[in-house]
Amino acid sequence: MTMRANRAVLCLAGALLATIAFPSLASATVGAPIITGVKATHVTANDAILKATVKPDGRETHYEMVLGLCPEGEGECLNQFATVAEGTIAPRGAAVHLEVDLLRRLDEISLQSGKTYFYFVRARNVNGEETEVSKTFQTRP
């Protein structure tokens, strides 16, 4: 074998050993979509801007941002929710930066003052690997 072929074999062998020894490292390099920067900003009595970044991590990925209302005095939020953003990212596509102004986006839901809302961003790739980040915010009185 040539020196170049030997290096290629060694690189492949090293990558295989790293995958076996550190499976979490292998899944982190190409695997589930990555969601960062999930937050609610500019919260008022009847508006908020929801933000997040979704990175496909090498596979075609569908994402959605969902909003729901948490009833007063109950520990869990309602299963009634509205999708406020969704789309698909190509496998090698750049990260999608979501910024949703709820006052402009929600036709069927209007935010109420002094209420707690939950929202989540979910991303699922074509292999079924899914990531979800959930948060809450409270509108001003």
C-alpha atoms as a PDB file:
ATOM      1  CA  MET A   1       0.000   0.000   0.000  1.00  0.00           C
ATOM      2  CA  THR A   2       1.077   3.530  -0.574  1.00  0.00           C
ATOM      3  CA  MET A   3       1.673   5.936   2.261  1.00  0.00           C
ATOM      4  CA  ARG A   4      -1.512   7.828   1.339  1.00  0.00           C
ATOM      5  CA  ALA A   5      -3.576   4.614   1.430  1.00  0.00           C
ATOM      6  CA  ASN A   6      -2.075   3.708   4.819  1.00  0.00           C
ATOM      7  CA  ARG A   7      -3.071   7.104   6.223  1.00  0.00           C
ATOM      8  CA  ALA A   8      -6.606   6.707   4.898  1.00  0.00           C
ATOM      9  CA  VAL A   9      -6.938   3.270   6.509  1.00  0.00           C
ATOM     10  CA  LEU A  10      -5.575   4.608   9.804  1.00  0.00           C
ATOM     11  CA  CYS A  11      -8.001   7.542   9.730  1.00  0.00           C
ATOM     12  CA  LEU A  12     -10.959   5.245   9.078  1.00  0.00           C
ATOM     13  CA  ALA A  13      -9.843   2.846  11.799  1.00  0.00           C
ATOM     14  CA  GLY A  14      -9.455   5.734  14.249  1.00  0.00           C
ATOM     15  CA  ALA A  15     -12.904   7.063  13.428  1.00  0.00           C
ATOM     16  CA  LEU A  16     -14.409   3.587  13.891  1.00  0.00           C
ATOM     17  CA  LEU A  17     -12.679   3.127  17.244  1.00  0.00           C
ATOM     18  CA  ALA A  18     -13.808   6.568  18.420  1.00  0.00           C
ATOM     19  CA  THR A  19     -17.396   5.722  17.454  1.00  0.00           C
ATOM     20  CA  ILE A  20     -17.253   2.461  19.389  1.00  0.00           C
ATOM     21  CA  ALA A  21     -15.496   3.932  22.424  1.00  0.00           C
ATOM     22  CA  PHE A  22     -17.533   7.147  22.555  1.00  0.00           C
ATOM     23  CA  PRO A  23     -20.989   6.540  20.998  1.00  0.00           C
ATOM     24  CA  SER A  24     -22.352   9.798  22.394  1.00  0.00           C
ATOM     25  CA  LEU A  25     -19.608  11.679  20.553  1.00  0.00           C
ATOM     26  CA  ALA A  26     -20.582  10.007  17.293  1.00  0.00           C
ATOM     27  CA  SER A  27     -24.267  10.863  17.708  1.00  0.00           C
ATOM     28  CA  ALA A  28     -23.394  14.440  18.594  1.00  0.00           C
ATOM     29  CA  THR A  29     -21.469  14.993  15.370  1.00  0.00           C
ATOM     30  CA  VAL A  30     -24.280  13.852  13.041  1.00  0.00           C
ATOM     31  CA  GLY A  31     -27.551  13.110  14.664  1.00  0.00           C
ATOM     32  CA  ALA A  32     -30.476  14.820  16.258  1.00  0.00           C
ATOM     33  CA  PRO A  33     -31.235  18.407  15.281  1.00  0.00           C
ATOM     34  CA  ILE A  34     -29.834  21.133  17.518  1.00  0.00           C
ATOM     35  CA  ILE A  35     -32.082  23.811  19.051  1.00  0.00           C
ATOM     36  CA  THR A  36     -30.562  26.854  20.776  1.00  0.00           C
ATOM     37  CA  GLY A  37     -31.498  30.376  21.837  1.00  0.00           C
ATOM     38  CA  VAL A  38     -35.081  29.558  22.840  1.00  0.00           C
ATOM     39  CA  LYS A  39     -36.519  32.614  24.595  1.00  0.00           C
ATOM     40  CA  ALA A  40     -39.439  35.020  24.819  1.00  0.00           C
ATOM     41  CA  THR A  41     -38.557  38.699  24.455  1.00  0.00           C
ATOM     42  CA  HIS A  42     -40.441  42.000  24.354  1.00  0.00           C
ATOM     43  CA  VAL A  43     -43.208  40.546  26.542  1.00  0.00           C
ATOM     44  CA  THR A  44     -46.113  42.944  27.139  1.00  0.00           C
ATOM     45  CA  ALA A  45     -49.705  42.480  28.303  1.00  0.00           C
ATOM     46  CA  ASN A  46     -50.807  41.204  24.879  1.00  0.00           C
ATOM     47  CA  ASP A  47     -47.652  40.430  22.887  1.00  0.00           C
ATOM     48  CA  ALA A  48     -44.340  38.572  22.947  1.00  0.00           C
ATOM     49  CA  ILE A  49     -41.666  37.665  20.449  1.00  0.00           C
ATOM     50  CA  LEU A  50     -40.566  34.037  20.524  1.00  0.00           C
ATOM     51  CA  LYS A  51     -37.059  33.225  19.288  1.00  0.00           C
ATOM     52  CA  ALA A  52     -35.068  30.064  18.584  1.00  0.00           C
ATOM     53  CA  THR A  53     -32.415  28.682  16.267  1.00  0.00           C
ATOM     54  CA  VAL A  54     -32.734  25.244  14.656  1.00  0.00           C
ATOM     55  CA  LYS A  55     -29.728  23.544  13.050  1.00  0.00           C
ATOM     56  CA  PRO A  56     -30.411  20.416  10.946  1.00  0.00           C
ATOM     57  CA  ASP A  57     -27.082  18.726  11.817  1.00  0.00           C
ATOM     58  CA  GLY A  58     -26.642  16.977   8.486  1.00  0.00           C
ATOM     59  CA  ARG A  59     -30.112  15.567   7.816  1.00  0.00           C
ATOM     60  CA  GLU A  60     -33.327  17.001   6.387  1.00  0.00           C
ATOM     61  CA  THR A  61     -35.212  18.385   9.391  1.00  0.00           C
ATOM     62  CA  HIS A  62     -38.786  19.518  10.014  1.00  0.00           C
ATOM     63  CA  TYR A  63     -39.286  22.063  12.794  1.00  0.00           C
ATOM     64  CA  GLU A  64     -42.241  23.654  14.539  1.00  0.00           C
ATOM     65  CA  MET A  65     -42.809  26.253  17.233  1.00  0.00           C
ATOM     66  CA  VAL A  66     -45.963  25.765  19.294  1.00  0.00           C
ATOM     67  CA  LEU A  67     -47.734  28.016  21.825  1.00  0.00           C
ATOM     68  CA  GLY A  68     -50.289  27.119  24.516  1.00  0.00           C
ATOM     69  CA  LEU A  69     -51.964  28.600  27.613  1.00  0.00           C
ATOM     70  CA  CYS A  70     -51.329  27.362  31.165  1.00  0.00           C
ATOM     71  CA  PRO A  71     -54.477  27.475  33.332  1.00  0.00           C
ATOM     72  CA  GLU A  72     -54.264  29.254  36.667  1.00  0.00           C
ATOM     73  CA  GLY A  73     -53.649  27.077  39.709  1.00  0.00           C
ATOM     74  CA  GLU A  74     -52.793  23.959  37.721  1.00  0.00           C
ATOM     75  CA  GLY A  75     -49.329  22.472  37.429  1.00  0.00           C
ATOM     76  CA  GLU A  76     -49.688  21.356  33.832  1.00  0.00           C
ATOM     77  CA  CYS A  77     -50.454  23.348  30.730  1.00  0.00           C
ATOM     78  CA  LEU A  78     -53.405  22.660  28.470  1.00  0.00           C
ATOM     79  CA  ASN A  79     -53.115  20.387  25.490  1.00  0.00           C
ATOM     80  CA  GLN A  80     -54.717  23.123  23.398  1.00  0.00           C
ATOM     81  CA  PHE A  81     -52.037  24.810  21.378  1.00  0.00           C
ATOM     82  CA  ALA A  82     -51.346  26.615  18.120  1.00  0.00           C
ATOM     83  CA  THR A  83     -48.428  26.136  15.744  1.00  0.00           C
ATOM     84  CA  VAL A  84     -46.922  29.584  15.213  1.00  0.00           C
ATOM     85  CA  ALA A  85     -44.035  28.599  12.913  1.00  0.00           C
ATOM     86  CA  GLU A  86     -42.978  25.519  10.978  1.00  0.00           C
ATOM     87  CA  GLY A  87     -40.848  24.491   8.056  1.00  0.00           C
ATOM     88  CA  THR A  88     -38.254  22.119   6.637  1.00  0.00           C
ATOM     89  CA  ILE A  89     -34.492  22.580   6.432  1.00  0.00           C
ATOM     90  CA  ALA A  90     -32.355  20.841   3.795  1.00  0.00           C
ATOM     91  CA  PRO A  91     -29.697  18.402   5.087  1.00  0.00           C
ATOM     92  CA  ARG A  92     -26.828  20.785   4.468  1.00  0.00           C
ATOM     93  CA  GLY A  93     -28.932  23.875   5.022  1.00  0.00           C
ATOM     94  CA  ALA A  94     -27.919  26.692   7.296  1.00  0.00           C
ATOM     95  CA  ALA A  95     -29.476  27.044  10.717  1.00  0.00           C
ATOM     96  CA  VAL A  96     -32.911  28.668  10.737  1.00  0.00           C
ATOM     97  CA  HIS A  97     -33.329  31.620  13.078  1.00  0.00           C
ATOM     98  CA  LEU A  98     -36.964  31.853  14.160  1.00  0.00           C
ATOM     99  CA  GLU A  99     -38.423  35.118  15.399  1.00  0.00           C
ATOM    100  CA  VAL A 100     -42.195  35.132  15.765  1.00  0.00           C
ATOM    101  CA  ASP A 101     -44.104  38.241  16.846  1.00  0.00           C
ATOM    102  CA  LEU A 102     -47.226  36.711  18.385  1.00  0.00           C
ATOM    103  CA  LEU A 103     -49.355  39.841  18.037  1.00  0.00           C
ATOM    104  CA  ARG A 104     -48.896  39.714  14.265  1.00  0.00           C
ATOM    105  CA  ARG A 105     -48.944  35.935  13.935  1.00  0.00           C
ATOM    106  CA  LEU A 106     -51.882  34.682  15.918  1.00  0.00           C
ATOM    107  CA  ASP A 107     -55.233  35.142  14.237  1.00  0.00           C
ATOM    108  CA  GLU A 108     -57.161  32.615  16.323  1.00  0.00           C
ATOM    109  CA  ILE A 109     -55.425  33.293  19.661  1.00  0.00           C
ATOM    110  CA  SER A 110     -54.829  36.594  21.371  1.00  0.00           C
ATOM    111  CA  LEU A 111     -52.580  36.798  24.383  1.00  0.00           C
ATOM    112  CA  GLN A 112     -54.234  37.863  27.620  1.00  0.00           C
ATOM    113  CA  SER A 113     -52.623  40.015  30.272  1.00  0.00           C
ATOM    114  CA  GLY A 114     -51.229  38.342  33.402  1.00  0.00           C
ATOM    115  CA  LYS A 115     -51.387  34.809  31.962  1.00  0.00           C
ATOM    116  CA  THR A 116     -48.730  32.109  31.748  1.00  0.00           C
ATOM    117  CA  TYR A 117     -48.070  30.587  28.334  1.00  0.00           C
ATOM    118  CA  PHE A 118     -45.922  27.635  27.412  1.00  0.00           C
ATOM    119  CA  TYR A 119     -44.141  27.243  24.126  1.00  0.00           C
ATOM    120  CA  PHE A 120     -41.853  24.688  22.633  1.00  0.00           C
ATOM    121  CA  VAL A 121     -39.660  24.232  19.620  1.00  0.00           C
ATOM    122  CA  ARG A 122     -39.480  20.720  18.218  1.00  0.00           C
ATOM    123  CA  ALA A 123     -37.238  19.489  15.416  1.00  0.00           C
ATOM    124  CA  ARG A 124     -37.265  16.004  13.912  1.00  0.00           C
ATOM    125  CA  ASN A 125     -34.986  14.705  11.193  1.00  0.00           C
ATOM    126  CA  VAL A 126     -35.703  12.064   8.556  1.00  0.00           C
ATOM    127  CA  ASN A 127     -34.221   9.344  10.804  1.00  0.00           C
ATOM    128  CA  GLY A 128     -36.795  10.138  13.489  1.00  0.00           C
ATOM    129  CA  GLU A 129     -34.261  11.707  15.849  1.00  0.00           C
ATOM    130  CA  GLU A 130     -36.020  14.495  17.708  1.00  0.00           C
ATOM    131  CA  THR A 131     -35.065  17.405  19.917  1.00  0.00           C
ATOM    132  CA  GLU A 132     -37.517  19.529  21.873  1.00  0.00           C
ATOM    133  CA  VAL A 133     -37.007  22.570  24.090  1.00  0.00           C
ATOM    134  CA  SER A 134     -39.937  23.843  26.210  1.00  0.00           C
ATOM    135  CA  LYS A 135     -40.282  27.098  28.137  1.00  0.00           C
ATOM    136  CA  THR A 136     -42.907  29.403  29.615  1.00  0.00           C
ATOM    137  CA  PHE A 137     -43.444  33.136  29.830  1.00  0.00           C
ATOM    138  CA  GLN A 138     -45.974  35.341  31.594  1.00  0.00           C
ATOM    139  CA  THR A 139     -47.620  38.338  30.013  1.00  0.00           C
ATOM    140  CA  ARG A 140     -47.597  41.574  31.980  1.00  0.00           C
ATOM    141  CA  PRO A 141     -50.695  42.535  33.992  1.00  0.00           C
END
